[in-house]
Amino acid sequence: MERDIVLRLPHFIVAPEIVWTTDLAVIFPCSIAERFNRGHAFRLLALLFDLLAIEVKIHTHVRFSSAAGIQWLRDVLMDMFAAQP
């Protein structure tokens, strides 16, 4: 199987609109794909091959790390990118 990459995007948020209006497909982690597909506009398929895991890190400045808003955002991101069984 060979991948033909025909488009690279500066940000993933525009990908659903491109997929909706073209015959292109996109590969997203399941958690992100499911969020984009809340209206069931897309067909979600499993990949036929394994992908390498990616590491996501969260960095905060020590001055703001104890702020309630930063703690909330950190918790949301950790839930979003938590390893799925």
PDB file of N, CA and C in Angstrom:
ATOM      1  N   MET A   1       0.839  -1.160   0.000  1.00  0.00           N
ATOM      2  CA  MET A   1       0.000   0.000   0.000  1.00  0.00           C
ATOM      3  C   MET A   1       0.893   1.233   0.000  1.00  0.00           C
ATOM      4  N   GLU A   2       0.570   2.185  -0.831  1.00  0.00           N
ATOM      5  CA  GLU A   2       1.342   3.414  -0.919  1.00  0.00           C
ATOM      6  C   GLU A   2       0.438   4.592  -0.619  1.00  0.00           C
ATOM      7  N   ARG A   3       0.945   5.547   0.160  1.00  0.00           N
ATOM      8  CA  ARG A   3       0.164   6.731   0.483  1.00  0.00           C
ATOM      9  C   ARG A   3       0.524   7.850  -0.479  1.00  0.00           C
ATOM     10  N   ASP A   4      -0.499   8.490  -1.000  1.00  0.00           N
ATOM     11  CA  ASP A   4      -0.308   9.668  -1.842  1.00  0.00           C
ATOM     12  C   ASP A   4      -0.763  10.881  -1.037  1.00  0.00           C
ATOM     13  N   ILE A   5       0.180  11.649  -0.552  1.00  0.00           N
ATOM     14  CA  ILE A   5      -0.153  12.852   0.200  1.00  0.00           C
ATOM     15  C   ILE A   5      -0.292  13.984  -0.797  1.00  0.00           C
ATOM     16  N   VAL A   6      -1.507  14.500  -0.928  1.00  0.00           N
ATOM     17  CA  VAL A   6      -1.759  15.538  -1.931  1.00  0.00           C
ATOM     18  C   VAL A   6      -1.986  16.906  -1.312  1.00  0.00           C
ATOM     19  N   LEU A   7      -2.074  16.954   0.015  1.00  0.00           N
ATOM     20  CA  LEU A   7      -2.346  18.229   0.663  1.00  0.00           C
ATOM     21  C   LEU A   7      -1.769  18.221   2.070  1.00  0.00           C
ATOM     22  N   ARG A   8      -1.097  19.286   2.419  1.00  0.00           N
ATOM     23  CA  ARG A   8      -0.611  19.472   3.787  1.00  0.00           C
ATOM     24  C   ARG A   8      -1.250  20.752   4.305  1.00  0.00           C
ATOM     25  N   LEU A   9      -1.798  20.668   5.502  1.00  0.00           N
ATOM     26  CA  LEU A   9      -2.535  21.794   6.060  1.00  0.00           C
ATOM     27  C   LEU A   9      -1.757  22.443   7.202  1.00  0.00           C
ATOM     28  N   PRO A  10      -1.863  23.762   7.345  1.00  0.00           N
ATOM     29  CA  PRO A  10      -1.196  24.424   8.459  1.00  0.00           C
ATOM     30  C   PRO A  10      -1.879  24.135   9.790  1.00  0.00           C
ATOM     31  N   HIS A  11      -3.150  23.744   9.737  1.00  0.00           N
ATOM     32  CA  HIS A  11      -3.882  23.429  10.964  1.00  0.00           C
ATOM     33  C   HIS A  11      -4.979  22.420  10.647  1.00  0.00           C
ATOM     34  N   PHE A  12      -5.166  21.435  11.525  1.00  0.00           N
ATOM     35  CA  PHE A  12      -6.099  20.345  11.266  1.00  0.00           C
ATOM     36  C   PHE A  12      -7.561  20.758  11.301  1.00  0.00           C
ATOM     37  N   ILE A  13      -7.887  21.900  11.856  1.00  0.00           N
ATOM     38  CA  ILE A  13      -9.281  22.297  12.037  1.00  0.00           C
ATOM     39  C   ILE A  13     -10.013  22.469  10.701  1.00  0.00           C
ATOM     40  N   VAL A  14      -9.287  22.743   9.627  1.00  0.00           N
ATOM     41  CA  VAL A  14      -9.928  22.936   8.322  1.00  0.00           C
ATOM     42  C   VAL A  14     -10.132  21.626   7.564  1.00  0.00           C
ATOM     43  N   ALA A  15      -9.544  20.543   8.040  1.00  0.00           N
ATOM     44  CA  ALA A  15      -9.609  19.262   7.331  1.00  0.00           C
ATOM     45  C   ALA A  15     -11.034  18.749   7.098  1.00  0.00           C
ATOM     46  N   PRO A  16     -11.944  18.799   8.084  1.00  0.00           N
ATOM     47  CA  PRO A  16     -13.294  18.285   7.821  1.00  0.00           C
ATOM     48  C   PRO A  16     -13.990  18.984   6.650  1.00  0.00           C
ATOM     49  N   GLU A  17     -13.826  20.291   6.530  1.00  0.00           N
ATOM     50  CA  GLU A  17     -14.449  21.022   5.420  1.00  0.00           C
ATOM     51  C   GLU A  17     -13.850  20.582   4.086  1.00  0.00           C
ATOM     52  N   ILE A  18     -12.555  20.351   4.058  1.00  0.00           N
ATOM     53  CA  ILE A  18     -11.913  19.903   2.817  1.00  0.00           C
ATOM     54  C   ILE A  18     -12.397  18.508   2.448  1.00  0.00           C
ATOM     55  N   VAL A  19     -12.473  17.620   3.429  1.00  0.00           N
ATOM     56  CA  VAL A  19     -12.954  16.259   3.168  1.00  0.00           C
ATOM     57  C   VAL A  19     -14.414  16.300   2.706  1.00  0.00           C
ATOM     58  N   TRP A  20     -15.223  17.163   3.320  1.00  0.00           N
ATOM     59  CA  TRP A  20     -16.645  17.267   2.990  1.00  0.00           C
ATOM     60  C   TRP A  20     -16.851  17.723   1.536  1.00  0.00           C
ATOM     61  N   THR A  21     -15.958  18.585   1.033  1.00  0.00           N
ATOM     62  CA  THR A  21     -16.166  19.187  -0.285  1.00  0.00           C
ATOM     63  C   THR A  21     -15.279  18.601  -1.383  1.00  0.00           C
ATOM     64  N   THR A  22     -14.521  17.559  -1.072  1.00  0.00           N
ATOM     65  CA  THR A  22     -13.655  16.932  -2.072  1.00  0.00           C
ATOM     66  C   THR A  22     -13.770  15.417  -1.956  1.00  0.00           C
ATOM     67  N   ASP A  23     -12.972  14.718  -2.735  1.00  0.00           N
ATOM     68  CA  ASP A  23     -12.922  13.257  -2.620  1.00  0.00           C
ATOM     69  C   ASP A  23     -11.699  12.807  -1.817  1.00  0.00           C
ATOM     70  N   LEU A  24     -11.129  13.711  -1.025  1.00  0.00           N
ATOM     71  CA  LEU A  24      -9.963  13.396  -0.215  1.00  0.00           C
ATOM     72  C   LEU A  24     -10.378  12.760   1.106  1.00  0.00           C
ATOM     73  N   ALA A  25      -9.425  12.125   1.745  1.00  0.00           N
ATOM     74  CA  ALA A  25      -9.628  11.519   3.064  1.00  0.00           C
ATOM     75  C   ALA A  25      -8.580  12.087   4.008  1.00  0.00           C
ATOM     76  N   VAL A  26      -8.795  11.877   5.293  1.00  0.00           N
ATOM     77  CA  VAL A  26      -7.861  12.372   6.300  1.00  0.00           C
ATOM     78  C   VAL A  26      -7.684  11.294   7.363  1.00  0.00           C
ATOM     79  N   ILE A  27      -6.509  11.275   7.961  1.00  0.00           N
ATOM     80  CA  ILE A  27      -6.240  10.354   9.072  1.00  0.00           C
ATOM     81  C   ILE A  27      -6.136  11.187  10.344  1.00  0.00           C
ATOM     82  N   PHE A  28      -7.009  10.878  11.297  1.00  0.00           N
ATOM     83  CA  PHE A  28      -7.033  11.537  12.598  1.00  0.00           C
ATOM     84  C   PHE A  28      -6.985  10.481  13.686  1.00  0.00           C
ATOM     85  N   PRO A  29      -6.492  10.824  14.866  1.00  0.00           N
ATOM     86  CA  PRO A  29      -6.690   9.932  16.016  1.00  0.00           C
ATOM     87  C   PRO A  29      -8.200   9.778  16.253  1.00  0.00           C
ATOM     88  N   CYS A  30      -8.606   8.633  16.774  1.00  0.00           N
ATOM     89  CA  CYS A  30     -10.039   8.354  16.981  1.00  0.00           C
ATOM     90  C   CYS A  30     -10.726   9.444  17.787  1.00  0.00           C
ATOM     91  N   SER A  31     -10.086   9.910  18.847  1.00  0.00           N
ATOM     92  CA  SER A  31     -10.746  10.903  19.702  1.00  0.00           C
ATOM     93  C   SER A  31     -11.069  12.184  18.939  1.00  0.00           C
ATOM     94  N   ILE A  32     -10.185  12.611  18.061  1.00  0.00           N
ATOM     95  CA  ILE A  32     -10.433  13.825  17.280  1.00  0.00           C
ATOM     96  C   ILE A  32     -11.445  13.549  16.184  1.00  0.00           C
ATOM     97  N   ALA A  33     -11.334  12.413  15.516  1.00  0.00           N
ATOM     98  CA  ALA A  33     -12.287  12.059  14.457  1.00  0.00           C
ATOM     99  C   ALA A  33     -13.713  11.995  14.994  1.00  0.00           C
ATOM    100  N   GLU A  34     -13.872  11.414  16.166  1.00  0.00           N
ATOM    101  CA  GLU A  34     -15.210  11.312  16.760  1.00  0.00           C
ATOM    102  C   GLU A  34     -15.766  12.682  17.116  1.00  0.00           C
ATOM    103  N   ARG A  35     -14.937  13.589  17.565  1.00  0.00           N
ATOM    104  CA  ARG A  35     -15.410  14.949  17.864  1.00  0.00           C
ATOM    105  C   ARG A  35     -15.852  15.665  16.597  1.00  0.00           C
ATOM    106  N   PHE A  36     -15.091  15.513  15.518  1.00  0.00           N
ATOM    107  CA  PHE A  36     -15.468  16.145  14.257  1.00  0.00           C
ATOM    108  C   PHE A  36     -16.710  15.492  13.640  1.00  0.00           C
ATOM    109  N   ASN A  37     -17.002  14.288  14.032  1.00  0.00           N
ATOM    110  CA  ASN A  37     -18.100  13.541  13.414  1.00  0.00           C
ATOM    111  C   ASN A  37     -19.334  13.466  14.311  1.00  0.00           C
ATOM    112  N   ARG A  38     -19.511  14.398  15.197  1.00  0.00           N
ATOM    113  CA  ARG A  38     -20.678  14.376  16.091  1.00  0.00           C
ATOM    114  C   ARG A  38     -21.989  14.397  15.324  1.00  0.00           C
ATOM    115  N   GLY A  39     -22.020  15.033  14.167  1.00  0.00           N
ATOM    116  CA  GLY A  39     -23.232  15.065  13.347  1.00  0.00           C
ATOM    117  C   GLY A  39     -23.340  13.887  12.401  1.00  0.00           C
ATOM    118  N   HIS A  40     -22.418  12.947  12.487  1.00  0.00           N
ATOM    119  CA  HIS A  40     -22.388  11.742  11.658  1.00  0.00           C
ATOM    120  C   HIS A  40     -22.354  12.060  10.158  1.00  0.00           C
ATOM    121  N   ALA A  41     -21.632  13.113   9.801  1.00  0.00           N
ATOM    122  CA  ALA A  41     -21.506  13.503   8.399  1.00  0.00           C
ATOM    123  C   ALA A  41     -20.464  12.670   7.663  1.00  0.00           C
ATOM    124  N   PHE A  42     -19.585  12.017   8.411  1.00  0.00           N
ATOM    125  CA  PHE A  42     -18.488  11.274   7.804  1.00  0.00           C
ATOM    126  C   PHE A  42     -18.563   9.805   8.172  1.00  0.00           C
ATOM    127  N   ARG A  43     -17.929   9.003   7.372  1.00  0.00           N
ATOM    128  CA  ARG A  43     -17.798   7.578   7.669  1.00  0.00           C
ATOM    129  C   ARG A  43     -16.406   7.364   8.261  1.00  0.00           C
ATOM    130  N   LEU A  44     -16.360   6.847   9.481  1.00  0.00           N
ATOM    131  CA  LEU A  44     -15.081   6.599  10.147  1.00  0.00           C
ATOM    132  C   LEU A  44     -14.670   5.157   9.913  1.00  0.00           C
ATOM    133  N   LEU A  45     -13.452   4.971   9.419  1.00  0.00           N
ATOM    134  CA  LEU A  45     -12.938   3.645   9.103  1.00  0.00           C
ATOM    135  C   LEU A  45     -11.648   3.387   9.862  1.00  0.00           C
ATOM    136  N   ALA A  46     -11.416   2.153  10.211  1.00  0.00           N
ATOM    137  CA  ALA A  46     -10.151   1.773  10.838  1.00  0.00           C
ATOM    138  C   ALA A  46      -9.066   1.716   9.771  1.00  0.00           C
ATOM    139  N   LEU A  47      -7.849   2.041  10.172  1.00  0.00           N
ATOM    140  CA  LEU A  47      -6.732   1.951   9.235  1.00  0.00           C
ATOM    141  C   LEU A  47      -6.343   0.496   9.006  1.00  0.00           C
ATOM    142  N   LEU A  48      -5.799   0.224   7.851  1.00  0.00           N
ATOM    143  CA  LEU A  48      -5.350  -1.120   7.520  1.00  0.00           C
ATOM    144  C   LEU A  48      -3.895  -1.339   7.933  1.00  0.00           C
ATOM    145  N   PHE A  49      -3.313  -0.351   8.581  1.00  0.00           N
ATOM    146  CA  PHE A  49      -1.918  -0.430   8.996  1.00  0.00           C
ATOM    147  C   PHE A  49      -1.772   0.298  10.332  1.00  0.00           C
ATOM    148  N   ASP A  50      -0.724  -0.012  11.054  1.00  0.00           N
ATOM    149  CA  ASP A  50      -0.469   0.622  12.341  1.00  0.00           C
ATOM    150  C   ASP A  50       0.289   1.932  12.150  1.00  0.00           C
ATOM    151  N   LEU A  51      -0.021   2.881  12.998  1.00  0.00           N
ATOM    152  CA  LEU A  51       0.721   4.141  13.024  1.00  0.00           C
ATOM    153  C   LEU A  51       1.606   4.179  14.258  1.00  0.00           C
ATOM    154  N   LEU A  52       2.688   4.888  14.153  1.00  0.00           N
ATOM    155  CA  LEU A  52       3.544   5.085  15.314  1.00  0.00           C
ATOM    156  C   LEU A  52       2.828   5.991  16.308  1.00  0.00           C
ATOM    157  N   ALA A  53       3.033   5.736  17.575  1.00  0.00           N
ATOM    158  CA  ALA A  53       2.448   6.587  18.608  1.00  0.00           C
ATOM    159  C   ALA A  53       3.117   7.955  18.565  1.00  0.00           C
ATOM    160  N   ILE A  54       2.367   8.983  18.919  1.00  0.00           N
ATOM    161  CA  ILE A  54       2.949  10.312  19.016  1.00  0.00           C
ATOM    162  C   ILE A  54       2.925  10.742  20.475  1.00  0.00           C
ATOM    163  N   GLU A  55       3.879  11.542  20.825  1.00  0.00           N
ATOM    164  CA  GLU A  55       3.961  12.031  22.192  1.00  0.00           C
ATOM    165  C   GLU A  55       3.432  13.457  22.226  1.00  0.00           C
ATOM    166  N   VAL A  56       2.520  13.707  23.135  1.00  0.00           N
ATOM    167  CA  VAL A  56       1.959  15.044  23.315  1.00  0.00           C
ATOM    168  C   VAL A  56       2.405  15.539  24.687  1.00  0.00           C
ATOM    169  N   LYS A  57       2.985  16.722  24.703  1.00  0.00           N
ATOM    170  CA  LYS A  57       3.448  17.302  25.964  1.00  0.00           C
ATOM    171  C   LYS A  57       2.718  18.616  26.216  1.00  0.00           C
ATOM    172  N   ILE A  58       2.525  18.905  27.489  1.00  0.00           N
ATOM    173  CA  ILE A  58       1.895  20.156  27.890  1.00  0.00           C
ATOM    174  C   ILE A  58       2.919  20.933  28.710  1.00  0.00           C
ATOM    175  N   HIS A  59       3.185  22.150  28.287  1.00  0.00           N
ATOM    176  CA  HIS A  59       4.140  22.998  28.994  1.00  0.00           C
ATOM    177  C   HIS A  59       3.410  24.236  29.504  1.00  0.00           C
ATOM    178  N   THR A  60       3.636  24.587  30.739  1.00  0.00           N
ATOM    179  CA  THR A  60       3.086  25.820  31.292  1.00  0.00           C
ATOM    180  C   THR A  60       4.198  26.574  31.995  1.00  0.00           C
ATOM    181  N   HIS A  61       4.079  27.867  31.998  1.00  0.00           N
ATOM    182  CA  HIS A  61       5.040  28.696  32.711  1.00  0.00           C
ATOM    183  C   HIS A  61       4.763  28.560  34.199  1.00  0.00           C
ATOM    184  N   VAL A  62       5.807  28.492  34.995  1.00  0.00           N
ATOM    185  CA  VAL A  62       5.669  28.302  36.440  1.00  0.00           C
ATOM    186  C   VAL A  62       4.792  29.389  37.061  1.00  0.00           C
ATOM    187  N   ARG A  63       4.819  30.565  36.497  1.00  0.00           N
ATOM    188  CA  ARG A  63       4.028  31.666  37.027  1.00  0.00           C
ATOM    189  C   ARG A  63       2.524  31.408  36.912  1.00  0.00           C
ATOM    190  N   PHE A  64       2.110  30.660  35.877  1.00  0.00           N
ATOM    191  CA  PHE A  64       0.690  30.459  35.624  1.00  0.00           C
ATOM    192  C   PHE A  64       0.214  29.032  35.880  1.00  0.00           C
ATOM    193  N   SER A  65       1.112  28.121  36.232  1.00  0.00           N
ATOM    194  CA  SER A  65       0.746  26.704  36.320  1.00  0.00           C
ATOM    195  C   SER A  65      -0.292  26.401  37.392  1.00  0.00           C
ATOM    196  N   SER A  66      -0.416  27.252  38.407  1.00  0.00           N
ATOM    197  CA  SER A  66      -1.410  26.990  39.445  1.00  0.00           C
ATOM    198  C   SER A  66      -2.728  27.737  39.209  1.00  0.00           C
ATOM    199  N   ALA A  67      -2.818  28.502  38.139  1.00  0.00           N
ATOM    200  CA  ALA A  67      -4.055  29.225  37.823  1.00  0.00           C
ATOM    201  C   ALA A  67      -5.165  28.232  37.487  1.00  0.00           C
ATOM    202  N   ALA A  68      -6.359  28.506  37.956  1.00  0.00           N
ATOM    203  CA  ALA A  68      -7.491  27.589  37.761  1.00  0.00           C
ATOM    204  C   ALA A  68      -7.761  27.316  36.279  1.00  0.00           C
ATOM    205  N   GLY A  69      -7.707  28.338  35.460  1.00  0.00           N
ATOM    206  CA  GLY A  69      -7.962  28.157  34.028  1.00  0.00           C
ATOM    207  C   GLY A  69      -6.930  27.261  33.359  1.00  0.00           C
ATOM    208  N   ILE A  70      -5.667  27.419  33.729  1.00  0.00           N
ATOM    209  CA  ILE A  70      -4.596  26.592  33.184  1.00  0.00           C
ATOM    210  C   ILE A  70      -4.761  25.147  33.645  1.00  0.00           C
ATOM    211  N   GLN A  71      -5.105  24.961  34.912  1.00  0.00           N
ATOM    212  CA  GLN A  71      -5.327  23.603  35.422  1.00  0.00           C
ATOM    213  C   GLN A  71      -6.492  22.938  34.700  1.00  0.00           C
ATOM    214  N   TRP A  72      -7.564  23.694  34.471  1.00  0.00           N
ATOM    215  CA  TRP A  72      -8.715  23.153  33.740  1.00  0.00           C
ATOM    216  C   TRP A  72      -8.308  22.743  32.327  1.00  0.00           C
ATOM    217  N   LEU A  73      -7.605  23.616  31.619  1.00  0.00           N
ATOM    218  CA  LEU A  73      -7.174  23.313  30.253  1.00  0.00           C
ATOM    219  C   LEU A  73      -6.245  22.105  30.224  1.00  0.00           C
ATOM    220  N   ARG A  74      -5.332  22.019  31.164  1.00  0.00           N
ATOM    221  CA  ARG A  74      -4.416  20.880  31.244  1.00  0.00           C
ATOM    222  C   ARG A  74      -5.212  19.580  31.429  1.00  0.00           C
ATOM    223  N   ASP A  75      -6.222  19.599  32.312  1.00  0.00           N
ATOM    224  CA  ASP A  75      -7.054  18.410  32.533  1.00  0.00           C
ATOM    225  C   ASP A  75      -7.820  18.018  31.273  1.00  0.00           C
ATOM    226  N   VAL A  76      -8.373  19.008  30.579  1.00  0.00           N
ATOM    227  CA  VAL A  76      -9.109  18.728  29.337  1.00  0.00           C
ATOM    228  C   VAL A  76      -8.183  18.098  28.307  1.00  0.00           C
ATOM    229  N   LEU A  77      -7.003  18.663  28.136  1.00  0.00           N
ATOM    230  CA  LEU A  77      -6.050  18.130  27.157  1.00  0.00           C
ATOM    231  C   LEU A  77      -5.582  16.731  27.530  1.00  0.00           C
ATOM    232  N   MET A  78      -5.351  16.507  28.814  1.00  0.00           N
ATOM    233  CA  MET A  78      -4.921  15.174  29.234  1.00  0.00           C
ATOM    234  C   MET A  78      -6.017  14.140  28.984  1.00  0.00           C
ATOM    235  N   ASP A  79      -7.271  14.507  29.219  1.00  0.00           N
ATOM    236  CA  ASP A  79      -8.380  13.594  28.912  1.00  0.00           C
ATOM    237  C   ASP A  79      -8.487  13.347  27.415  1.00  0.00           C
ATOM    238  N   MET A  80      -8.325  14.403  26.631  1.00  0.00           N
ATOM    239  CA  MET A  80      -8.470  14.293  25.182  1.00  0.00           C
ATOM    240  C   MET A  80      -7.399  13.388  24.569  1.00  0.00           C
ATOM    241  N   PHE A  81      -6.180  13.493  25.076  1.00  0.00           N
ATOM    242  CA  PHE A  81      -5.082  12.750  24.477  1.00  0.00           C
ATOM    243  C   PHE A  81      -4.661  11.532  25.288  1.00  0.00           C
ATOM    244  N   ALA A  82      -5.470  11.141  26.253  1.00  0.00           N
ATOM    245  CA  ALA A  82      -5.158   9.953  27.044  1.00  0.00           C
ATOM    246  C   ALA A  82      -5.141   8.717  26.162  1.00  0.00           C
ATOM    247  N   ALA A  83      -4.286   7.784  26.494  1.00  0.00           N
ATOM    248  CA  ALA A  83      -4.198   6.532  25.734  1.00  0.00           C
ATOM    249  C   ALA A  83      -5.539   5.812  25.756  1.00  0.00           C
ATOM    250  N   GLN A  84      -5.968   5.369  24.613  1.00  0.00           N
ATOM    251  CA  GLN A  84      -7.236   4.648  24.486  1.00  0.00           C
ATOM    252  C   GLN A  84      -6.928   3.157  24.427  1.00  0.00           C
ATOM    253  N   PRO A  85      -7.774   2.344  25.065  1.00  0.00           N
ATOM    254  CA  PRO A  85      -7.512   0.879  25.048  1.00  0.00           C
ATOM    255  C   PRO A  85      -7.641   0.291  23.662  1.00  0.00           C
TER     256      PRO A  85
END
